[in-house]
Amino acid sequence: MQAITEVLAADYPCEMELIVVDDGSTDATSSLLAHVDDPRVTVYCHAENRGKGAALLSAVSIASGTYILPFDADLEYSPEDITRVIYPVLKGRCEVVYGARIFGFNTVYHSYRYAVGNRFLTRLANILFNAYLSDIHTCLKLIPLAMFRSLNLGEAGFGLDTEITALLLKAGVRPFEVPVSYYSRSHDEGKKISWRDAVSCIAILLKVRLLNSRRMQAAPALCAGTDQPGVVMAEPRQKGWRAVRSLSATDEGQPNAAVTS
């Protein structure tokens, strides 16, 4: 948390809100959070583990900023890259930015299967939605909060990452990509992704691709911020640029994170 707040404060002097979602963790997360004394930090707890997707949706429901940027807290991503992702939006070049992991550049993969699997699924998404993304499963997805809330999201686990990108591409949104660094965890270090998640990803991509076009009133609906089932709409406490980060603990207390603004 401190690393992210320091990076944002140094590069972009803006008001910031940090939302920490404890997703029923069984490690020392709760005791560590009890010692955090910062008015910018909001803690939200799940009584039991509900998955990464559920943790992110809880953070979205109480966020008060204008953008959201998921950010895993397992040290696979670098806080210094957050400013790189924010920059194109501040310059007015785009609304949606992805921090892409470029295979072979500033990355460490402990598994060849993970890397190639992500490339295969990304290519499949590009074919299905006539897009050209480099990394559909990057955690760093900077999306307007109203746009995020307008997506009819239903996945509670890792499939939420796939669903977010698929719905955006289906709606005609093409994210602007910037390269970021990535330090992959190994399976022994707690990496939970398996071949079952890949199969689920394919199913989600196909399901969204086959959605009736009339249910995807793309651009207008995405900016409207309409209510969706299971998502509590929160009125912004203050207008303007805000950087908001959400930490979430997934299975067995493994942390994840998200940044909103």
Protein backbone atom coordinates (compact mmCIF):
# COMPACT_ATOMS: atom_id res chain seq x y z
CA MET A 1 0.00 0.00 0.00
CA GLN A 2 2.71 2.47 0.95
CA ALA A 3 4.59 1.86 -2.31
CA ILE A 4 1.55 2.73 -4.41
CA THR A 5 0.61 5.84 -2.45
CA GLU A 6 4.18 7.14 -2.62
CA VAL A 7 4.42 6.57 -6.39
CA LEU A 8 1.13 8.32 -7.11
CA ALA A 9 1.82 11.19 -4.73
CA ALA A 10 5.23 11.80 -6.26
CA ASP A 11 4.22 11.66 -9.93
CA TYR A 12 0.61 12.88 -9.79
CA PRO A 13 -0.33 15.06 -6.81
CA CYS A 14 -3.98 14.03 -6.59
CA GLU A 15 -6.42 13.00 -3.91
CA MET A 16 -6.35 9.25 -3.46
CA GLU A 17 -8.58 6.62 -1.91
CA LEU A 18 -7.33 3.14 -1.11
CA ILE A 19 -9.96 0.41 -0.74
CA VAL A 20 -8.75 -2.78 0.89
CA VAL A 21 -10.98 -5.83 0.51
CA ASP A 22 -10.17 -8.69 2.88
CA ASP A 23 -11.74 -11.64 1.10
CA GLY A 24 -12.08 -13.94 4.09
CA SER A 25 -8.31 -14.37 4.42
CA THR A 26 -6.89 -16.66 7.09
CA ASP A 27 -3.44 -15.08 7.26
CA ALA A 28 -2.34 -11.88 9.02
CA THR A 29 -4.23 -9.53 6.67
CA SER A 30 -6.79 -8.38 9.24
CA SER A 31 -4.21 -7.70 11.95
CA LEU A 32 -2.03 -5.74 9.53
CA LEU A 33 -5.00 -3.65 8.38
CA ALA A 34 -5.87 -2.87 11.99
CA HIS A 35 -2.64 -0.86 12.25
CA VAL A 36 -3.36 1.28 9.17
CA ASP A 37 -4.27 4.80 10.22
CA ASP A 38 -4.90 6.79 7.04
CA PRO A 39 -8.15 8.61 6.12
CA ARG A 40 -7.61 7.62 2.48
CA VAL A 41 -7.86 3.92 3.33
CA THR A 42 -11.21 2.09 3.43
CA VAL A 43 -11.33 -1.54 4.58
CA TYR A 44 -14.08 -3.88 3.42
CA CYS A 45 -14.29 -7.46 4.74
CA HIS A 46 -15.93 -10.60 3.42
CA ALA A 47 -16.96 -13.07 6.11
CA GLU A 48 -15.77 -15.93 3.88
CA ASN A 49 -13.64 -16.31 0.78
CA ARG A 50 -15.69 -15.47 -2.31
CA GLY A 51 -13.00 -15.17 -4.99
CA LYS A 52 -11.04 -12.47 -6.77
CA GLY A 53 -13.96 -11.34 -8.89
CA ALA A 54 -16.26 -10.92 -5.90
CA ALA A 55 -13.59 -8.95 -4.03
CA LEU A 56 -13.14 -6.58 -6.96
CA LEU A 57 -16.89 -6.08 -7.36
CA SER A 58 -17.18 -5.23 -3.65
CA ALA A 59 -14.47 -2.61 -4.06
CA VAL A 60 -16.22 -1.19 -7.12
CA SER A 61 -19.51 -0.94 -5.21
CA ILE A 62 -18.03 1.43 -2.60
CA ALA A 63 -15.50 3.30 -4.75
CA SER A 64 -16.11 7.03 -5.11
CA GLY A 65 -13.64 8.00 -7.82
CA THR A 66 -13.91 8.30 -11.58
CA TYR A 67 -11.65 5.41 -12.66
CA ILE A 68 -10.79 1.93 -11.42
CA LEU A 69 -7.50 0.12 -11.91
CA PRO A 70 -7.21 -3.45 -10.56
CA PHE A 71 -3.80 -4.16 -9.09
CA ASP A 72 -2.69 -7.49 -7.65
CA ALA A 73 -0.91 -7.21 -4.30
CA ASP A 74 1.13 -10.39 -4.71
CA LEU A 75 4.14 -8.45 -6.05
CA GLU A 76 3.77 -9.79 -9.61
CA TYR A 77 3.18 -6.22 -10.81
CA SER A 78 5.16 -3.10 -9.99
CA PRO A 79 3.53 -0.02 -8.40
CA GLU A 80 5.83 2.18 -10.51
CA ASP A 81 3.90 1.09 -13.61
CA ILE A 82 0.65 2.61 -12.33
CA THR A 83 1.70 6.09 -13.41
CA ARG A 84 2.55 4.75 -16.86
CA VAL A 85 -0.99 3.38 -17.19
CA ILE A 86 -2.59 6.60 -15.93
CA TYR A 87 -0.61 8.93 -18.21
CA PRO A 88 -2.56 8.39 -21.51
CA VAL A 89 -5.84 9.20 -19.74
CA LEU A 90 -4.44 12.37 -18.17
CA LYS A 91 -3.32 13.43 -21.64
CA GLY A 92 -6.83 12.87 -22.98
CA ARG A 93 -5.75 10.27 -25.54
CA CYS A 94 -8.13 7.52 -24.42
CA GLU A 95 -10.52 6.34 -21.72
CA VAL A 96 -9.48 2.71 -21.26
CA VAL A 97 -5.83 1.70 -20.79
CA TYR A 98 -4.34 -1.78 -20.33
CA GLY A 99 -0.90 -2.38 -18.86
CA ALA A 100 0.25 -5.16 -21.18
CA ARG A 101 2.80 -7.82 -20.27
CA ILE A 102 4.93 -8.14 -23.39
CA PHE A 103 6.25 -11.69 -23.71
CA GLY A 104 10.06 -11.57 -23.38
CA PHE A 105 10.33 -7.91 -22.33
CA ASN A 106 10.57 -6.86 -18.65
CA THR A 107 8.85 -10.09 -17.65
CA VAL A 108 9.61 -13.22 -15.67
CA TYR A 109 7.45 -16.29 -16.27
CA HIS A 110 8.00 -19.38 -14.13
CA SER A 111 5.88 -21.46 -16.47
CA TYR A 112 6.05 -21.61 -20.25
CA ARG A 113 2.52 -23.02 -20.24
CA TYR A 114 1.15 -19.94 -18.44
CA ALA A 115 2.77 -17.56 -20.90
CA VAL A 116 1.77 -19.45 -24.04
CA GLY A 117 -1.71 -20.11 -22.66
CA ASN A 118 -2.28 -16.39 -22.16
CA ARG A 119 -1.06 -15.66 -25.69
CA PHE A 120 -3.42 -18.30 -27.11
CA LEU A 121 -6.43 -16.96 -25.22
CA THR A 122 -5.55 -13.40 -26.22
CA ARG A 123 -5.36 -14.42 -29.87
CA LEU A 124 -8.71 -16.19 -29.59
CA ALA A 125 -10.29 -13.04 -28.13
CA ASN A 126 -8.80 -10.96 -30.95
CA ILE A 127 -10.26 -13.30 -33.56
CA LEU A 128 -13.69 -13.45 -31.93
CA PHE A 129 -14.01 -9.68 -31.48
CA ASN A 130 -11.88 -8.43 -34.39
CA ALA A 131 -9.45 -6.73 -32.02
CA TYR A 132 -5.67 -6.63 -31.59
CA LEU A 133 -4.75 -6.75 -27.92
CA SER A 134 -1.46 -8.08 -26.57
CA ASP A 135 -2.67 -9.23 -23.15
CA ILE A 136 -6.34 -9.73 -22.26
CA HIS A 137 -5.58 -11.05 -18.77
CA THR A 138 -3.37 -8.30 -17.45
CA CYS A 139 -4.46 -7.17 -14.01
CA LEU A 140 -3.79 -3.51 -14.86
CA LYS A 141 -7.00 -2.39 -16.55
CA LEU A 142 -7.72 1.33 -16.16
CA ILE A 143 -11.44 1.76 -16.81
CA PRO A 144 -13.89 4.61 -16.06
CA LEU A 145 -15.82 3.62 -12.95
CA ALA A 146 -19.20 4.36 -14.57
CA MET A 147 -18.23 2.21 -17.55
CA PHE A 148 -17.13 -0.63 -15.27
CA ARG A 149 -20.38 -0.49 -13.33
CA SER A 150 -22.42 -0.61 -16.53
CA LEU A 151 -20.97 -3.99 -17.50
CA ASN A 152 -23.28 -6.89 -16.67
CA LEU A 153 -20.62 -8.88 -14.84
CA GLY A 154 -21.45 -12.26 -13.36
CA GLU A 155 -18.13 -14.03 -12.72
CA ALA A 156 -16.92 -14.25 -9.11
CA GLY A 157 -13.51 -15.84 -9.64
CA PHE A 158 -10.60 -15.43 -12.04
CA GLY A 159 -13.06 -15.48 -14.94
CA LEU A 160 -13.97 -11.87 -14.18
CA ASP A 161 -10.79 -10.70 -15.95
CA THR A 162 -11.89 -12.48 -19.13
CA GLU A 163 -15.47 -11.26 -18.82
CA ILE A 164 -14.45 -7.61 -18.42
CA THR A 165 -12.32 -7.60 -21.56
CA ALA A 166 -14.82 -9.64 -23.59
CA LEU A 167 -17.68 -7.27 -22.76
CA LEU A 168 -15.59 -4.21 -23.55
CA LEU A 169 -14.49 -5.65 -26.91
CA LYS A 170 -18.05 -6.76 -27.69
CA ALA A 171 -19.17 -3.19 -27.02
CA GLY A 172 -16.60 -1.81 -29.46
CA VAL A 173 -14.17 -0.48 -26.85
CA ARG A 174 -10.52 -0.90 -27.85
CA PRO A 175 -8.14 -0.42 -24.88
CA PHE A 176 -4.94 1.57 -25.33
CA GLU A 177 -2.00 -0.60 -24.27
CA VAL A 178 1.21 0.41 -22.50
CA PRO A 179 3.99 -2.06 -21.56
CA VAL A 180 4.46 -2.96 -17.90
CA SER A 181 6.81 -5.24 -15.98
CA TYR A 182 5.74 -8.60 -14.60
CA TYR A 183 7.30 -11.01 -12.10
CA SER A 184 5.30 -14.23 -12.18
CA ARG A 185 4.86 -16.43 -9.13
CA SER A 186 5.41 -20.16 -9.47
CA HIS A 187 2.82 -22.77 -8.60
CA ASP A 188 4.74 -23.51 -5.38
CA GLU A 189 4.56 -19.83 -4.45
CA GLY A 190 0.79 -19.84 -4.63
CA LYS A 191 -0.11 -19.44 -8.32
CA LYS A 192 -3.65 -20.80 -8.61
CA ILE A 193 -4.30 -20.64 -12.37
CA SER A 194 -4.79 -24.05 -14.00
CA TRP A 195 -5.98 -25.56 -17.27
CA ARG A 196 -9.53 -25.46 -15.90
CA ASP A 197 -9.34 -21.67 -15.80
CA ALA A 198 -8.27 -21.68 -19.46
CA VAL A 199 -11.30 -23.78 -20.40
CA SER A 200 -13.53 -21.43 -18.42
CA CYS A 201 -11.96 -18.46 -20.21
CA ILE A 202 -12.78 -19.96 -23.61
CA ALA A 203 -16.37 -20.57 -22.51
CA ILE A 204 -16.72 -16.97 -21.31
CA LEU A 205 -15.30 -15.54 -24.55
CA LEU A 206 -17.71 -17.62 -26.63
CA LYS A 207 -20.67 -16.78 -24.40
CA VAL A 208 -20.06 -13.03 -24.67
CA ARG A 209 -19.39 -13.25 -28.41
CA LEU A 210 -22.77 -14.92 -28.93
CA LEU A 211 -24.69 -12.39 -26.85
CA ASN A 212 -27.54 -10.68 -28.67
CA SER A 213 -26.21 -7.38 -30.00
CA ARG A 214 -29.26 -5.56 -28.69
CA ARG A 215 -28.12 -6.40 -25.16
CA MET A 216 -24.85 -4.63 -25.83
CA GLN A 217 -25.78 -1.00 -26.36
CA ALA A 218 -22.07 -0.37 -26.31
CA ALA A 219 -20.74 3.14 -26.09
CA PRO A 220 -23.78 5.01 -24.74
CA ALA A 221 -24.63 2.40 -22.09
CA LEU A 222 -21.05 1.96 -20.93
CA CYS A 223 -20.76 5.61 -20.01
CA ALA A 224 -24.17 5.82 -18.37
CA GLY A 225 -23.21 3.96 -15.21
CA THR A 226 -26.56 2.21 -14.95
CA ASP A 227 -27.28 -0.04 -12.01
CA GLN A 228 -26.45 -3.70 -12.38
CA PRO A 229 -27.54 -6.60 -10.18
CA GLY A 230 -25.18 -7.10 -7.26
CA VAL A 231 -23.43 -3.77 -7.72
CA VAL A 232 -24.20 -0.91 -5.37
CA MET A 233 -23.99 2.45 -7.11
CA ALA A 234 -22.00 4.93 -5.03
CA GLU A 235 -22.25 8.65 -5.57
CA PRO A 236 -18.79 10.26 -5.98
CA ARG A 237 -17.82 12.21 -2.87
CA GLN A 238 -15.81 14.62 -4.95
CA LYS A 239 -15.35 15.30 -8.64
CA GLY A 240 -12.03 15.25 -10.44
CA TRP A 241 -9.19 12.82 -10.87
CA ARG A 242 -8.82 10.34 -8.02
CA ALA A 243 -6.56 7.32 -7.79
CA VAL A 244 -8.22 4.54 -5.85
CA ARG A 245 -6.65 1.20 -5.11
CA SER A 246 -8.45 -1.93 -3.95
CA LEU A 247 -6.61 -4.78 -2.32
CA SER A 248 -8.34 -8.13 -2.20
CA ALA A 249 -7.29 -11.42 -0.66
CA THR A 250 -8.21 -14.46 -2.72
CA ASP A 251 -7.92 -18.16 -1.94
CA GLU A 252 -5.90 -18.97 1.16
CA GLY A 253 -5.21 -15.32 1.87
CA GLN A 254 -3.34 -14.60 -1.39
CA PRO A 255 -3.71 -10.84 -1.93
CA ASN A 256 -4.90 -9.05 -5.05
CA ALA A 257 -5.49 -5.41 -5.70
CA ALA A 258 -7.30 -2.84 -7.79
CA VAL A 259 -6.81 0.85 -8.42
CA THR A 260 -9.71 3.15 -9.19
CA SER A 261 -9.82 6.86 -9.78
